[in-house]
Amino acid sequence: MPAVTGNDNENVIYSVTQLSRKIRDILAGNPQFKDLFLEGEISNLRRPDSGHIYFDLKDETSVLACVYFKNLQAEVCNDLGNGIQIVARGSLISFEPRSQYQLKITKITQVGEGNTSRELKHLREKLEAEGLFNYDRKKKVPLRPRKVGVIASKNSDAEQDILNVFNSCKPTIKPVMAYATTRGEGAPFSIIKALKDLNENPDVDEIILARGGGPSEDFMAFNDEALVRAIASSKKPVITGIGHSGNSCLADLAADYVATTPSTAAEAAVPESHKSDLQKYKVAIVGLIVLLVFLIIVFLLAGGSV
C-alpha cells in the first residue's frame, strides 16, 4: 500500500482506519469544534448500565449524536428525558471505529419543553378532544379472518416477522401485502395510500400496520395528523405493531388494537387460530394418554406376557 504522505490525494490510497484517524485528528485539532454551546431537543435517550448517557440533539432539520460520560454528569441528569430542550456545552469528537462524530458534553442547562414535543402534545390533545382515541369507537379484531392486509416496508424485518408467525401459526392465511415507506417525509402519504387500497379490497378483514425498531425520529411518520385520521376512519380494524419502546405514537392511540412488535401484531390478527391449534394439541395428547392406558390394561390382563 502506498505511504500516506503529502497533499496529493489522487495518489494516496487510504485504509478505512487511516481515514478514520485523519477525521479524528482534524476534529481534535480544530479550536472551532471545542467548547461549543449547542441548543436542541433531546430524543432517543439511552442510559446503559455503564452510567454514561447517550442521546440525539435535534432541531427542525438535523440530528447530532451526543455522549455525556458518567464522570462529567451533574444532578440535572436525573431530569433529562426525550422532548426536553437543552443547551449543551461540549466538544466535537470522533468515535474512531465508526468514523462517527458526536458531541462530548461537559455541561447541560435545561431550557424547557422542546418544539417537537410541544407540537405533538397539542396535536394529541386536539385529536383526543375530537374523540379519535375513544375506546368505544374501536372495532373488534375478527376471530377467524379470511385474509389479513399487511402494511410494511418491502423486504423489511417487520414483513419477515409477520410472515414467520403466519407460516407457523396459520399457514392457510395468505396475507395481502401493501408495501409502503415507513420513515421519512413521504411515509405518511405512502401508508395512507396502502390503507386505502386494503380498505377497498373486499377479501381483507383486518389490517396490520407494522414497522421494526429504531430511534424515535424514525417513528415521526406515525404521528402525522392525516395518517392518524386515516387509521381512525378505516372501515376495517387496524392493528399496529410498531416496534419501539418507551414511546407511544399517535397511530397507536387511533388503532383498534395495539401490539408491541410486528410479531405480536401478527399473533393478535389470528386469535382463534392459536386457540384452535392449542385445542388440537390438547386433544391429541389426551388421545395418546388414553391409548397408552388402554395398552397397559390389556398387557396386565394378559398376565404381563407378550
Protein backbone atom coordinates (compact mmCIF):
# COMPACT_ATOMS: atom_id res chain seq x y z
CA MET A 1 0.00 0.00 0.00
CA PRO A 2 1.42 3.45 -0.87
CA ALA A 3 2.50 5.58 2.05
CA VAL A 4 0.03 8.20 3.19
CA THR A 5 2.11 11.32 2.74
CA GLY A 6 1.82 14.67 1.02
CA ASN A 7 -1.28 16.58 -0.04
CA ASP A 8 -1.91 14.92 -3.40
CA ASN A 9 -4.94 12.78 -2.52
CA GLU A 10 -5.22 11.45 -6.06
CA ASN A 11 -2.10 9.34 -5.50
CA VAL A 12 -2.98 8.20 -1.98
CA ILE A 13 -4.93 5.08 -1.09
CA TYR A 14 -6.20 5.22 2.49
CA SER A 15 -7.24 2.31 4.60
CA VAL A 16 -10.52 2.80 6.47
CA THR A 17 -8.60 3.09 9.74
CA GLN A 18 -6.23 5.71 8.33
CA LEU A 19 -9.06 7.89 7.10
CA SER A 20 -10.97 7.49 10.36
CA ARG A 21 -7.91 8.62 12.32
CA LYS A 22 -7.47 11.57 9.98
CA ILE A 23 -11.04 12.66 10.70
CA ARG A 24 -10.42 12.24 14.43
CA ASP A 25 -7.25 14.33 14.31
CA ILE A 26 -8.92 17.12 12.29
CA LEU A 27 -11.73 17.43 14.82
CA ALA A 28 -9.36 17.26 17.78
CA GLY A 29 -7.02 19.88 16.36
CA ASN A 30 -9.60 22.46 15.28
CA PRO A 31 -10.44 25.02 18.02
CA GLN A 32 -13.76 25.80 16.29
CA PHE A 33 -15.07 22.43 17.47
CA LYS A 34 -14.07 22.84 21.12
CA ASP A 35 -16.11 24.26 23.99
CA LEU A 36 -19.27 24.71 21.92
CA PHE A 37 -22.71 25.75 23.18
CA LEU A 38 -25.45 23.92 21.31
CA GLU A 39 -29.22 24.19 21.76
CA GLY A 40 -31.61 21.47 20.74
CA GLU A 41 -34.22 18.94 21.77
CA ILE A 42 -33.33 15.56 23.30
CA SER A 43 -34.52 12.41 21.55
CA ASN A 44 -33.63 8.72 21.58
CA LEU A 45 -32.16 8.97 25.10
CA ARG A 46 -30.41 5.83 26.43
CA ARG A 47 -28.99 5.09 29.88
CA PRO A 48 -26.94 1.86 29.75
CA ASP A 49 -25.53 0.14 32.83
CA SER A 50 -22.20 1.94 32.34
CA GLY A 51 -23.78 5.11 33.72
CA HIS A 52 -22.99 7.12 30.60
CA ILE A 53 -25.88 8.90 28.87
CA TYR A 54 -26.39 8.80 25.12
CA PHE A 55 -28.95 10.78 23.16
CA ASP A 56 -29.57 12.73 19.97
CA LEU A 57 -29.84 16.50 19.96
CA LYS A 58 -32.12 17.70 17.20
CA ASP A 59 -33.77 20.74 15.68
CA GLU A 60 -36.24 21.03 12.79
CA THR A 61 -33.94 19.51 10.17
CA SER A 62 -30.85 17.89 11.72
CA VAL A 63 -29.76 15.43 14.41
CA LEU A 64 -26.44 15.20 16.27
CA ALA A 65 -25.31 12.25 18.40
CA CYS A 66 -24.25 13.16 21.94
CA VAL A 67 -22.50 11.41 24.79
CA TYR A 68 -22.42 12.54 28.43
CA PHE A 69 -19.87 10.49 30.33
CA LYS A 70 -20.64 9.48 33.90
CA ASN A 71 -17.71 11.34 35.47
CA LEU A 72 -18.88 14.64 33.95
CA GLN A 73 -22.54 14.41 34.89
CA ALA A 74 -24.32 16.73 37.30
CA GLU A 75 -27.59 16.44 39.22
CA VAL A 76 -29.52 17.82 36.24
CA CYS A 77 -29.11 14.42 34.57
CA ASN A 78 -31.90 12.97 36.68
CA ASP A 79 -34.39 15.22 34.91
CA LEU A 80 -33.24 14.52 31.35
CA GLY A 81 -35.75 12.93 29.00
CA ASN A 82 -36.99 12.86 25.44
CA GLY A 83 -38.63 16.09 24.35
CA ILE A 84 -36.62 18.30 26.72
CA GLN A 85 -35.00 21.41 25.21
CA ILE A 86 -31.44 21.96 26.47
CA VAL A 87 -28.27 23.93 25.91
CA ALA A 88 -25.32 21.52 25.89
CA ARG A 89 -21.72 22.59 26.33
CA GLY A 90 -19.02 20.35 24.91
CA SER A 91 -16.62 19.49 22.11
CA LEU A 92 -16.94 17.52 18.90
CA ILE A 93 -15.07 14.23 18.94
CA SER A 94 -14.85 11.31 16.56
CA PHE A 95 -15.71 7.76 17.55
CA GLU A 96 -12.95 6.22 15.51
CA PRO A 97 -14.28 2.64 14.98
CA ARG A 98 -17.35 4.02 13.20
CA SER A 99 -15.92 7.29 11.87
CA GLN A 100 -18.87 8.97 13.61
CA TYR A 101 -18.61 12.40 15.10
CA GLN A 102 -20.54 13.28 18.23
CA LEU A 103 -20.73 15.94 20.90
CA LYS A 104 -18.88 15.09 24.10
CA ILE A 105 -20.87 17.01 26.69
CA THR A 106 -19.38 18.65 29.76
CA LYS A 107 -22.44 20.56 30.99
CA ILE A 108 -26.18 20.70 30.36
CA THR A 109 -28.64 23.50 31.04
CA GLN A 110 -32.35 22.80 30.65
CA VAL A 111 -34.41 25.30 28.69
CA GLY A 112 -37.83 23.69 28.77
CA GLU A 113 -40.09 21.62 26.56
CA GLY A 114 -38.85 21.06 23.01
CA ASN A 115 -40.74 22.30 19.96
CA THR A 116 -41.41 18.81 18.60
CA SER A 117 -42.67 17.57 21.95
CA ARG A 118 -44.88 20.62 22.40
CA GLU A 119 -46.40 20.35 18.91
CA LEU A 120 -47.06 16.64 19.38
CA LYS A 121 -48.75 17.29 22.71
CA HIS A 122 -51.04 19.90 21.17
CA LEU A 123 -51.95 17.58 18.29
CA ARG A 124 -52.73 14.76 20.68
CA GLU A 125 -54.99 16.99 22.76
CA LYS A 126 -56.77 18.19 19.63
CA LEU A 127 -57.44 14.68 18.28
CA GLU A 128 -58.38 13.39 21.70
CA ALA A 129 -60.95 16.16 22.06
CA GLU A 130 -62.46 15.06 18.74
CA GLY A 131 -62.88 11.53 20.09
CA LEU A 132 -60.45 9.82 17.73
CA PHE A 133 -58.88 7.85 20.56
CA ASN A 134 -62.11 6.86 22.34
CA TYR A 135 -62.33 3.19 23.25
CA ASP A 136 -65.99 2.89 22.23
CA ARG A 137 -65.20 3.70 18.59
CA LYS A 138 -62.61 0.94 18.25
CA LYS A 139 -63.51 -2.07 16.11
CA LYS A 140 -63.10 -5.65 17.27
CA VAL A 141 -60.47 -7.90 15.72
CA PRO A 142 -62.20 -10.81 13.90
CA LEU A 143 -61.69 -14.27 15.41
CA ARG A 144 -61.41 -16.04 12.05
CA PRO A 145 -60.21 -13.60 9.38
CA ARG A 146 -60.23 -14.73 5.78
CA LYS A 147 -57.34 -12.55 4.69
CA VAL A 148 -55.15 -10.13 6.61
CA GLY A 149 -53.83 -6.98 5.00
CA VAL A 150 -50.28 -6.06 5.95
CA ILE A 151 -48.64 -2.64 5.58
CA ALA A 152 -44.85 -2.73 5.93
CA SER A 153 -41.69 -1.85 4.06
CA LYS A 154 -40.81 -4.34 1.36
CA ASN A 155 -38.17 -6.93 2.38
CA SER A 156 -38.08 -5.45 5.90
CA ASP A 157 -37.61 -7.33 9.16
CA ALA A 158 -41.17 -6.39 10.07
CA GLU A 159 -42.53 -8.10 6.94
CA GLN A 160 -40.48 -11.23 7.60
CA ASP A 161 -41.52 -11.41 11.26
CA ILE A 162 -45.20 -11.29 10.30
CA LEU A 163 -44.80 -13.94 7.59
CA ASN A 164 -42.95 -16.21 10.03
CA VAL A 165 -45.84 -16.01 12.53
CA PHE A 166 -48.46 -16.71 9.85
CA ASN A 167 -46.48 -19.63 8.45
CA SER A 168 -46.09 -21.24 11.87
CA CYS A 169 -49.48 -20.48 13.41
CA LYS A 170 -51.86 -20.25 10.49
CA PRO A 171 -50.31 -21.29 7.16
CA THR A 172 -53.71 -21.23 5.47
CA ILE A 173 -53.84 -17.43 5.78
CA LYS A 174 -52.09 -15.69 2.92
CA PRO A 175 -51.52 -12.05 3.85
CA VAL A 176 -52.33 -9.34 1.35
CA MET A 177 -49.23 -7.16 1.24
CA ALA A 178 -49.48 -3.40 0.71
CA TYR A 179 -45.92 -2.14 0.74
CA ALA A 180 -45.26 1.38 1.97
CA THR A 181 -42.47 3.68 3.04
CA THR A 182 -42.50 3.78 6.85
CA ARG A 183 -39.98 6.52 7.57
CA GLY A 184 -39.15 9.92 6.17
CA GLU A 185 -41.13 12.77 4.69
CA GLY A 186 -43.16 10.72 2.22
CA ALA A 187 -44.06 7.94 4.65
CA PRO A 188 -47.47 9.25 5.85
CA PHE A 189 -48.81 9.58 2.28
CA SER A 190 -47.44 6.15 1.37
CA ILE A 191 -49.08 4.48 4.38
CA ILE A 192 -52.39 6.31 3.80
CA LYS A 193 -52.47 5.01 0.22
CA ALA A 194 -51.81 1.47 1.43
CA LEU A 195 -54.64 1.81 3.98
CA LYS A 196 -56.99 2.99 1.25
CA ASP A 197 -56.08 0.10 -1.05
CA LEU A 198 -56.63 -2.52 1.65
CA ASN A 199 -59.91 -0.95 2.74
CA GLU A 200 -61.15 -1.26 -0.84
CA ASN A 201 -60.21 -4.95 -1.02
CA PRO A 202 -63.40 -6.90 -0.17
CA ASP A 203 -61.45 -10.02 0.89
CA VAL A 204 -59.41 -8.26 3.58
CA ASP A 205 -60.98 -8.44 7.05
CA GLU A 206 -58.34 -6.57 9.06
CA ILE A 207 -55.11 -4.61 8.58
CA ILE A 208 -51.72 -4.79 10.28
CA LEU A 209 -49.55 -1.66 10.19
CA ALA A 210 -46.02 -2.63 11.19
CA ARG A 211 -42.50 -1.33 11.46
CA GLY A 212 -39.39 -2.58 13.23
CA GLY A 213 -37.38 -0.79 15.89
CA GLY A 214 -35.15 2.26 15.62
CA PRO A 215 -34.55 5.73 17.03
CA SER A 216 -37.53 7.92 17.85
CA GLU A 217 -37.01 10.06 14.74
CA ASP A 218 -37.85 7.05 12.58
CA PHE A 219 -41.38 6.97 14.00
CA MET A 220 -42.35 10.57 13.37
CA ALA A 221 -44.41 9.48 10.35
CA PHE A 222 -46.75 7.66 12.75
CA ASN A 223 -47.57 10.97 14.45
CA ASP A 224 -48.75 12.59 11.23
CA GLU A 225 -52.26 14.04 11.61
CA ALA A 226 -53.53 12.86 8.23
CA LEU A 227 -52.31 9.32 8.88
CA VAL A 228 -53.84 9.21 12.36
CA ARG A 229 -57.18 10.32 10.90
CA ALA A 230 -56.94 7.68 8.17
CA ILE A 231 -56.38 4.95 10.78
CA ALA A 232 -59.29 6.17 12.89
CA SER A 233 -61.62 6.28 9.86
CA SER A 234 -60.60 2.87 8.49
CA LYS A 235 -63.61 0.68 7.77
CA LYS A 236 -61.61 -2.37 8.80
CA PRO A 237 -59.86 -2.98 12.14
CA VAL A 238 -56.28 -1.72 12.24
CA ILE A 239 -53.65 -3.46 14.38
CA THR A 240 -50.42 -1.53 14.92
CA GLY A 241 -47.18 -3.38 15.54
CA ILE A 242 -44.67 -0.57 15.65
CA GLY A 243 -41.52 -1.87 17.30
CA HIS A 244 -40.49 0.99 19.53
CA SER A 245 -40.16 1.07 23.31
CA GLY A 246 -40.65 3.87 25.76
CA ASN A 247 -42.65 5.99 23.35
CA SER A 248 -46.24 5.93 22.16
CA CYS A 249 -47.11 7.33 18.76
CA LEU A 250 -50.49 8.76 17.86
CA ALA A 251 -51.07 5.95 15.35
CA ASP A 252 -51.19 3.53 18.29
CA LEU A 253 -53.82 5.64 20.05
CA ALA A 254 -56.03 5.66 16.95
CA ALA A 255 -55.59 1.95 16.17
CA ASP A 256 -58.19 -0.65 17.14
CA TYR A 257 -55.57 -2.92 18.68
CA VAL A 258 -52.01 -2.09 19.75
CA ALA A 259 -49.23 -4.68 19.70
CA THR A 260 -45.66 -4.06 20.80
CA THR A 261 -43.92 -5.63 17.79
CA PRO A 262 -44.76 -6.83 14.27
CA SER A 263 -44.70 -10.46 15.52
CA THR A 264 -47.22 -9.84 18.30
CA ALA A 265 -49.37 -7.90 15.84
CA ALA A 266 -49.48 -10.98 13.60
CA GLU A 267 -50.41 -13.15 16.59
CA ALA A 268 -53.20 -10.75 17.53
CA ALA A 269 -54.55 -10.87 13.98
CA VAL A 270 -55.37 -14.60 14.22
CA PRO A 271 -56.50 -15.12 17.84
CA GLU A 272 -58.87 -18.01 17.14
CA SER A 273 -56.17 -19.81 15.19
CA HIS A 274 -53.98 -20.02 18.27
CA LYS A 275 -56.84 -21.32 20.36
CA SER A 276 -57.81 -23.89 17.72
CA ASP A 277 -54.27 -25.17 17.29
CA LEU A 278 -53.76 -25.40 21.03
CA GLN A 279 -57.01 -27.31 21.38
CA LYS A 280 -55.89 -29.75 18.69
CA TYR A 281 -52.66 -30.41 20.57
CA LYS A 282 -54.57 -30.96 23.80
CA VAL A 283 -56.95 -33.44 22.14
CA ALA A 284 -54.02 -35.30 20.55
CA ILE A 285 -52.16 -35.54 23.87
CA VAL A 286 -55.26 -36.76 25.71
CA GLY A 287 -55.81 -39.35 22.96
CA LEU A 288 -52.27 -40.66 23.29
CA ILE A 289 -52.63 -40.91 27.09
CA VAL A 290 -55.89 -42.84 26.75
CA LEU A 291 -54.31 -45.21 24.23
CA LEU A 292 -51.30 -45.78 26.47
CA VAL A 293 -53.53 -46.56 29.48
CA PHE A 294 -55.60 -48.96 27.35
CA LEU A 295 -52.48 -50.82 26.20
CA ILE A 296 -51.20 -51.09 29.78
CA ILE A 297 -54.54 -52.56 30.93
CA VAL A 298 -54.55 -55.07 28.08
CA PHE A 299 -50.97 -56.03 28.93
CA LEU A 300 -51.81 -56.57 32.60
CA LEU A 301 -54.96 -58.58 31.81
CA ALA A 302 -52.89 -60.76 29.53
CA GLY A 303 -50.73 -61.69 32.50
CA GLY A 304 -47.88 -59.44 31.68
CA SER A 305 -46.67 -61.70 28.86
CA VAL A 306 -46.01 -60.61 25.36
